């Protein structure tokens, strides 16, 4: 039985908790409190949500790990079919340079399976 999830930070319609399989010292997940399947369901008028999720993730990271944790951060989303759950969640990982080999593969930027918040916004703006 898994231990209950500890909510580390909440703001508006979002909450933050630790990933149960962290790839670095700090690995947070930011989720909306309402259901959104994945980034592929978002429309152009919802890109502000991605920006807000990233801002909340960085605020939470600073709160739980200190301002130095903001020096080496990776953020982003897994893309279907490579997402492990069907609920939108942003990964915020720090320090990114300390990720394991598997972590660097799993969270490789600009890959078919993982994109940063900024690249996700660009994709939505170009394809929606």
N, C-alpha and C. Protein backbone atom coordinates (compact mmCIF):
# COMPACT_ATOMS: atom_id res chain seq x y z
N UNK A 1 0.84 -1.19 0.00
CA UNK A 1 0.00 0.00 0.00
C UNK A 1 0.88 1.25 0.00
N UNK A 2 0.59 2.17 -0.92
CA UNK A 2 1.36 3.40 -1.01
C UNK A 2 0.97 4.36 0.12
N UNK A 3 1.95 5.10 0.62
CA UNK A 3 1.61 6.11 1.64
C UNK A 3 0.77 7.22 1.00
N UNK A 4 -0.01 7.93 1.80
CA UNK A 4 -0.82 9.01 1.23
C UNK A 4 0.07 10.11 0.65
N UNK A 5 -0.43 10.78 -0.35
CA UNK A 5 0.31 11.86 -1.00
C UNK A 5 0.23 13.11 -0.11
N UNK A 6 1.39 13.73 0.11
CA UNK A 6 1.43 14.96 0.89
C UNK A 6 1.39 16.14 -0.06
N UNK A 7 0.37 16.97 0.08
CA UNK A 7 0.28 18.19 -0.72
C UNK A 7 1.28 19.18 -0.14
N UNK A 8 2.24 19.60 -0.94
CA UNK A 8 3.29 20.52 -0.49
C UNK A 8 2.90 21.98 -0.65
N UNK A 9 2.04 22.25 -1.63
CA UNK A 9 1.75 23.64 -1.98
C UNK A 9 0.44 23.65 -2.75
N UNK A 10 -0.37 24.64 -2.50
CA UNK A 10 -1.62 24.83 -3.24
C UNK A 10 -1.77 26.30 -3.61
N UNK A 11 -2.30 26.52 -4.79
CA UNK A 11 -2.59 27.88 -5.21
C UNK A 11 -3.70 27.82 -6.25
N UNK A 12 -4.79 28.49 -5.97
CA UNK A 12 -5.91 28.50 -6.91
C UNK A 12 -6.39 27.10 -7.21
N UNK A 13 -6.46 26.79 -8.49
CA UNK A 13 -6.96 25.48 -8.94
C UNK A 13 -5.87 24.43 -9.11
N UNK A 14 -4.71 24.64 -8.47
CA UNK A 14 -3.58 23.74 -8.65
C UNK A 14 -3.01 23.28 -7.32
N UNK A 15 -2.45 22.09 -7.31
CA UNK A 15 -1.73 21.62 -6.13
C UNK A 15 -0.44 20.96 -6.58
N UNK A 16 0.49 20.86 -5.62
CA UNK A 16 1.84 20.37 -5.88
C UNK A 16 2.18 19.28 -4.87
N UNK A 17 2.77 18.21 -5.37
CA UNK A 17 3.26 17.14 -4.51
C UNK A 17 4.50 16.53 -5.15
N UNK A 18 5.19 15.70 -4.39
CA UNK A 18 6.41 15.05 -4.90
C UNK A 18 6.05 13.86 -5.79
N UNK A 19 6.87 13.66 -6.82
CA UNK A 19 6.72 12.48 -7.67
C UNK A 19 7.11 11.26 -6.85
N UNK A 20 6.34 10.19 -6.97
CA UNK A 20 6.66 8.99 -6.17
C UNK A 20 7.85 8.21 -6.73
N UNK A 21 8.32 8.59 -7.93
CA UNK A 21 9.53 8.00 -8.50
C UNK A 21 10.46 9.13 -8.94
N UNK A 22 11.06 9.83 -7.98
CA UNK A 22 11.87 11.01 -8.32
C UNK A 22 13.12 10.64 -9.10
N UNK A 23 13.50 11.52 -10.03
CA UNK A 23 14.72 11.33 -10.81
C UNK A 23 15.81 12.30 -10.37
N UNK A 24 15.51 13.14 -9.40
CA UNK A 24 16.48 14.09 -8.84
C UNK A 24 16.05 14.39 -7.40
N UNK A 25 16.89 15.11 -6.71
CA UNK A 25 16.62 15.45 -5.31
C UNK A 25 15.24 16.08 -5.14
N UNK A 26 14.89 16.97 -6.04
CA UNK A 26 13.58 17.61 -6.01
C UNK A 26 12.86 17.30 -7.32
N UNK A 27 11.75 16.61 -7.20
CA UNK A 27 10.95 16.25 -8.37
C UNK A 27 9.49 16.44 -7.98
N UNK A 28 8.93 17.56 -8.42
CA UNK A 28 7.58 17.93 -8.06
C UNK A 28 6.63 17.76 -9.24
N UNK A 29 5.37 17.50 -8.92
CA UNK A 29 4.31 17.44 -9.92
C UNK A 29 3.29 18.52 -9.60
N UNK A 30 2.89 19.26 -10.61
CA UNK A 30 1.89 20.30 -10.48
C UNK A 30 0.69 19.85 -11.29
N UNK A 31 -0.47 19.78 -10.63
CA UNK A 31 -1.68 19.30 -11.31
C UNK A 31 -2.84 20.27 -11.10
N UNK A 32 -3.74 20.33 -12.08
CA UNK A 32 -4.99 21.06 -11.84
C UNK A 32 -5.90 20.21 -10.95
N UNK A 33 -6.71 20.89 -10.15
CA UNK A 33 -7.64 20.18 -9.27
C UNK A 33 -8.84 19.63 -10.03
N UNK A 34 -9.00 20.01 -11.27
CA UNK A 34 -10.07 19.49 -12.12
C UNK A 34 -9.41 18.65 -13.22
N UNK A 35 -10.18 17.77 -13.83
CA UNK A 35 -9.59 16.82 -14.77
C UNK A 35 -9.32 17.43 -16.14
N UNK A 36 -8.08 17.27 -16.58
CA UNK A 36 -7.65 17.53 -17.96
C UNK A 36 -6.82 16.31 -18.32
N UNK A 37 -7.16 15.64 -19.41
CA UNK A 37 -6.49 14.39 -19.75
C UNK A 37 -5.00 14.52 -19.99
N UNK A 38 -4.59 15.43 -20.87
CA UNK A 38 -3.17 15.63 -21.17
C UNK A 38 -3.03 16.94 -21.93
N UNK A 39 -1.80 17.30 -22.25
CA UNK A 39 -1.56 18.54 -22.99
C UNK A 39 -2.23 18.53 -24.36
N UNK A 40 -2.43 17.38 -24.93
CA UNK A 40 -3.03 17.31 -26.27
C UNK A 40 -4.50 17.71 -26.27
N UNK A 41 -5.12 17.81 -25.09
CA UNK A 41 -6.51 18.24 -25.00
C UNK A 41 -6.64 19.75 -24.85
N UNK A 42 -5.54 20.45 -24.67
CA UNK A 42 -5.59 21.89 -24.44
C UNK A 42 -5.77 22.66 -25.74
N UNK A 43 -6.51 23.75 -25.66
CA UNK A 43 -6.74 24.64 -26.79
C UNK A 43 -5.94 25.92 -26.60
N UNK A 44 -5.89 26.74 -27.64
CA UNK A 44 -5.10 27.98 -27.58
C UNK A 44 -5.49 28.86 -26.41
N UNK A 45 -6.76 28.94 -26.09
CA UNK A 45 -7.19 29.82 -25.01
C UNK A 45 -6.83 29.26 -23.63
N UNK A 46 -6.21 28.09 -23.58
CA UNK A 46 -5.82 27.48 -22.29
C UNK A 46 -4.31 27.49 -22.06
N UNK A 47 -3.54 28.09 -22.95
CA UNK A 47 -2.09 28.08 -22.77
C UNK A 47 -1.66 28.83 -21.52
N UNK A 48 -2.47 29.77 -21.07
CA UNK A 48 -2.16 30.47 -19.82
C UNK A 48 -2.08 29.53 -18.65
N UNK A 49 -2.82 28.42 -18.71
CA UNK A 49 -2.78 27.44 -17.64
C UNK A 49 -1.38 26.83 -17.53
N UNK A 50 -0.73 26.60 -18.65
CA UNK A 50 0.62 26.02 -18.63
C UNK A 50 1.59 26.99 -17.97
N UNK A 51 1.50 28.26 -18.34
CA UNK A 51 2.36 29.27 -17.72
C UNK A 51 2.12 29.34 -16.22
N UNK A 52 0.86 29.30 -15.84
CA UNK A 52 0.51 29.34 -14.42
C UNK A 52 1.04 28.12 -13.68
N UNK A 53 0.94 26.95 -14.29
CA UNK A 53 1.45 25.72 -13.66
C UNK A 53 2.96 25.83 -13.43
N UNK A 54 3.68 26.37 -14.43
CA UNK A 54 5.13 26.52 -14.27
C UNK A 54 5.45 27.50 -13.16
N UNK A 55 4.77 28.64 -13.12
CA UNK A 55 5.01 29.62 -12.06
C UNK A 55 4.77 29.02 -10.68
N UNK A 56 3.68 28.28 -10.55
CA UNK A 56 3.36 27.64 -9.27
C UNK A 56 4.41 26.59 -8.93
N UNK A 57 4.87 25.84 -9.92
CA UNK A 57 5.90 24.84 -9.69
C UNK A 57 7.19 25.46 -9.18
N UNK A 58 7.58 26.58 -9.76
CA UNK A 58 8.81 27.26 -9.31
C UNK A 58 8.63 27.86 -7.92
N UNK A 59 7.46 28.40 -7.63
CA UNK A 59 7.18 28.91 -6.29
C UNK A 59 7.28 27.79 -5.26
N UNK A 60 6.68 26.66 -5.59
CA UNK A 60 6.70 25.51 -4.68
C UNK A 60 8.12 24.98 -4.49
N UNK A 61 8.86 24.89 -5.58
CA UNK A 61 10.24 24.42 -5.51
C UNK A 61 11.06 25.31 -4.59
N UNK A 62 10.93 26.61 -4.76
CA UNK A 62 11.67 27.54 -3.90
C UNK A 62 11.26 27.38 -2.44
N UNK A 63 9.97 27.17 -2.21
CA UNK A 63 9.48 27.03 -0.83
C UNK A 63 10.02 25.76 -0.17
N UNK A 64 10.02 24.63 -0.90
CA UNK A 64 10.41 23.37 -0.28
C UNK A 64 11.91 23.10 -0.31
N UNK A 65 12.63 23.73 -1.26
CA UNK A 65 14.05 23.41 -1.42
C UNK A 65 14.98 24.61 -1.33
N UNK A 66 14.43 25.81 -1.26
CA UNK A 66 15.27 27.00 -1.16
C UNK A 66 15.54 27.62 -2.51
N UNK A 67 15.96 28.88 -2.52
CA UNK A 67 16.18 29.60 -3.78
C UNK A 67 17.27 28.99 -4.66
N UNK A 68 18.24 28.30 -4.07
CA UNK A 68 19.30 27.69 -4.87
C UNK A 68 18.77 26.58 -5.78
N UNK A 69 17.64 26.00 -5.43
CA UNK A 69 17.05 24.95 -6.27
C UNK A 69 16.60 25.49 -7.62
N UNK A 70 16.42 26.81 -7.72
CA UNK A 70 15.97 27.42 -8.97
C UNK A 70 17.10 27.60 -9.98
N UNK A 71 18.33 27.29 -9.57
CA UNK A 71 19.49 27.48 -10.45
C UNK A 71 19.60 26.45 -11.57
N UNK A 72 19.01 25.28 -11.39
CA UNK A 72 19.14 24.20 -12.37
C UNK A 72 17.83 23.41 -12.42
N UNK A 73 16.86 23.94 -13.17
CA UNK A 73 15.51 23.38 -13.19
C UNK A 73 15.15 22.90 -14.58
N UNK A 74 14.50 21.76 -14.64
CA UNK A 74 13.90 21.24 -15.86
C UNK A 74 12.40 21.13 -15.60
N UNK A 75 11.61 21.62 -16.52
CA UNK A 75 10.16 21.47 -16.39
C UNK A 75 9.61 20.91 -17.68
N UNK A 76 8.48 20.25 -17.60
CA UNK A 76 7.84 19.78 -18.82
C UNK A 76 6.79 18.73 -18.60
N UNK A 77 6.25 18.30 -19.75
CA UNK A 77 5.15 17.34 -19.80
C UNK A 77 5.53 16.12 -20.61
N UNK A 78 5.04 14.96 -20.21
CA UNK A 78 5.11 13.78 -21.07
C UNK A 78 3.93 13.82 -22.02
N UNK A 79 4.16 13.36 -23.25
CA UNK A 79 3.13 13.37 -24.28
C UNK A 79 2.55 11.98 -24.47
N UNK A 80 1.23 11.91 -24.68
CA UNK A 80 0.63 10.60 -24.98
C UNK A 80 1.28 10.01 -26.22
N UNK A 81 1.51 8.74 -26.26
CA UNK A 81 1.10 7.73 -25.29
C UNK A 81 2.14 7.48 -24.19
N UNK A 82 3.07 8.39 -24.03
CA UNK A 82 4.17 8.18 -23.08
C UNK A 82 3.89 8.72 -21.69
N UNK A 83 2.69 9.24 -21.46
CA UNK A 83 2.34 9.68 -20.11
C UNK A 83 1.85 8.48 -19.32
N UNK A 84 2.17 8.44 -18.05
CA UNK A 84 1.84 7.28 -17.23
C UNK A 84 0.46 7.36 -16.60
N UNK A 85 -0.10 8.56 -16.51
CA UNK A 85 -1.46 8.72 -16.01
C UNK A 85 -2.21 9.66 -16.94
N UNK A 86 -3.52 9.51 -16.98
CA UNK A 86 -4.34 10.34 -17.84
C UNK A 86 -4.89 11.53 -17.05
N UNK A 87 -3.97 12.35 -16.55
CA UNK A 87 -4.32 13.60 -15.88
C UNK A 87 -3.15 14.55 -16.08
N UNK A 88 -3.43 15.73 -16.59
CA UNK A 88 -2.38 16.70 -16.88
C UNK A 88 -1.51 16.93 -15.66
N UNK A 89 -0.20 16.86 -15.83
CA UNK A 89 0.73 17.14 -14.74
C UNK A 89 2.05 17.65 -15.31
N UNK A 90 2.56 18.70 -14.68
CA UNK A 90 3.83 19.30 -15.06
C UNK A 90 4.90 18.80 -14.11
N UNK A 91 6.00 18.33 -14.65
CA UNK A 91 7.16 17.92 -13.85
C UNK A 91 8.06 19.13 -13.66
N UNK A 92 8.51 19.35 -12.44
CA UNK A 92 9.53 20.36 -12.12
C UNK A 92 10.64 19.61 -11.39
N UNK A 93 11.83 19.57 -11.99
CA UNK A 93 12.93 18.74 -11.52
C UNK A 93 14.15 19.59 -11.24
N UNK A 94 14.76 19.39 -10.06
CA UNK A 94 15.97 20.15 -9.69
C UNK A 94 16.79 19.36 -8.68
N UNK A 95 18.10 19.36 -8.78
CA UNK A 95 18.90 19.90 -9.88
C UNK A 95 18.88 18.94 -11.08
N UNK A 96 18.61 19.50 -12.23
CA UNK A 96 18.49 18.69 -13.45
C UNK A 96 19.80 17.98 -13.79
N UNK A 97 20.93 18.62 -13.48
CA UNK A 97 22.22 18.01 -13.83
C UNK A 97 22.51 16.75 -13.02
N UNK A 98 21.78 16.54 -11.94
CA UNK A 98 22.00 15.36 -11.10
C UNK A 98 21.05 14.20 -11.42
N UNK A 99 20.28 14.33 -12.50
CA UNK A 99 19.39 13.23 -12.86
C UNK A 99 20.19 12.00 -13.24
N UNK A 100 19.63 10.85 -12.96
CA UNK A 100 20.25 9.59 -13.34
C UNK A 100 20.21 9.44 -14.86
N UNK A 101 20.92 8.47 -15.38
CA UNK A 101 20.90 8.20 -16.82
C UNK A 101 19.46 7.95 -17.28
N UNK A 102 18.74 7.13 -16.54
CA UNK A 102 17.35 6.85 -16.91
C UNK A 102 16.51 8.13 -16.87
N UNK A 103 16.74 8.98 -15.88
CA UNK A 103 16.04 10.25 -15.79
C UNK A 103 16.32 11.14 -16.98
N UNK A 104 17.57 11.18 -17.42
CA UNK A 104 17.93 12.01 -18.58
C UNK A 104 17.27 11.49 -19.86
N UNK A 105 17.08 10.19 -19.95
CA UNK A 105 16.38 9.61 -21.11
C UNK A 105 14.88 9.90 -21.00
N UNK A 106 14.32 9.61 -19.86
CA UNK A 106 12.89 9.76 -19.64
C UNK A 106 12.42 11.22 -19.78
N UNK A 107 13.29 12.15 -19.40
CA UNK A 107 12.93 13.57 -19.43
C UNK A 107 13.79 14.35 -20.44
N UNK A 108 14.09 13.71 -21.56
CA UNK A 108 14.88 14.35 -22.61
C UNK A 108 14.05 15.41 -23.32
N UNK A 109 14.55 16.64 -23.30
CA UNK A 109 13.84 17.74 -23.94
C UNK A 109 13.76 17.55 -25.45
N UNK A 110 12.68 18.06 -26.01
CA UNK A 110 12.44 18.02 -27.46
C UNK A 110 12.42 16.60 -28.02
N UNK A 111 12.01 15.66 -27.20
CA UNK A 111 11.88 14.28 -27.67
C UNK A 111 10.42 14.03 -28.04
N UNK A 112 10.13 12.86 -28.54
CA UNK A 112 8.74 12.51 -28.85
C UNK A 112 7.89 12.39 -27.59
N UNK A 113 8.55 12.16 -26.46
CA UNK A 113 7.80 11.85 -25.24
C UNK A 113 7.83 12.94 -24.17
N UNK A 114 8.65 13.97 -24.31
CA UNK A 114 8.75 14.99 -23.26
C UNK A 114 9.08 16.35 -23.87
N UNK A 115 8.32 17.39 -23.47
CA UNK A 115 8.61 18.74 -23.92
C UNK A 115 8.49 19.72 -22.76
N UNK A 116 9.26 20.78 -22.83
CA UNK A 116 9.20 21.81 -21.80
C UNK A 116 7.87 22.54 -21.89
N UNK A 117 7.57 23.32 -20.84
CA UNK A 117 6.34 24.11 -20.85
C UNK A 117 6.34 25.08 -22.04
N UNK A 118 7.48 25.72 -22.30
CA UNK A 118 7.56 26.67 -23.41
C UNK A 118 7.31 25.99 -24.76
N UNK A 119 7.92 24.82 -24.97
CA UNK A 119 7.73 24.11 -26.23
C UNK A 119 6.29 23.59 -26.36
N UNK A 120 5.69 23.25 -25.25
CA UNK A 120 4.29 22.81 -25.26
C UNK A 120 3.38 23.96 -25.68
N UNK A 121 3.64 25.14 -25.16
CA UNK A 121 2.86 26.32 -25.54
C UNK A 121 3.01 26.58 -27.04
N UNK A 122 4.23 26.51 -27.55
CA UNK A 122 4.46 26.72 -28.99
C UNK A 122 3.68 25.70 -29.81
N UNK A 123 3.70 24.43 -29.39
CA UNK A 123 2.98 23.39 -30.13
C UNK A 123 1.48 23.69 -30.16
N UNK A 124 0.92 24.06 -29.04
CA UNK A 124 -0.51 24.36 -28.99
C UNK A 124 -0.84 25.54 -29.89
N UNK A 125 -0.04 26.57 -29.83
CA UNK A 125 -0.29 27.76 -30.65
C UNK A 125 -0.19 27.45 -32.15
N UNK A 126 0.67 26.53 -32.53
CA UNK A 126 0.84 26.18 -33.94
C UNK A 126 -0.15 25.15 -34.45
N UNK A 127 -0.68 24.31 -33.55
CA UNK A 127 -1.51 23.17 -33.99
C UNK A 127 -2.97 23.26 -33.57
N UNK A 128 -3.36 24.29 -32.89
CA UNK A 128 -4.78 24.40 -32.46
C UNK A 128 -5.44 25.55 -33.13
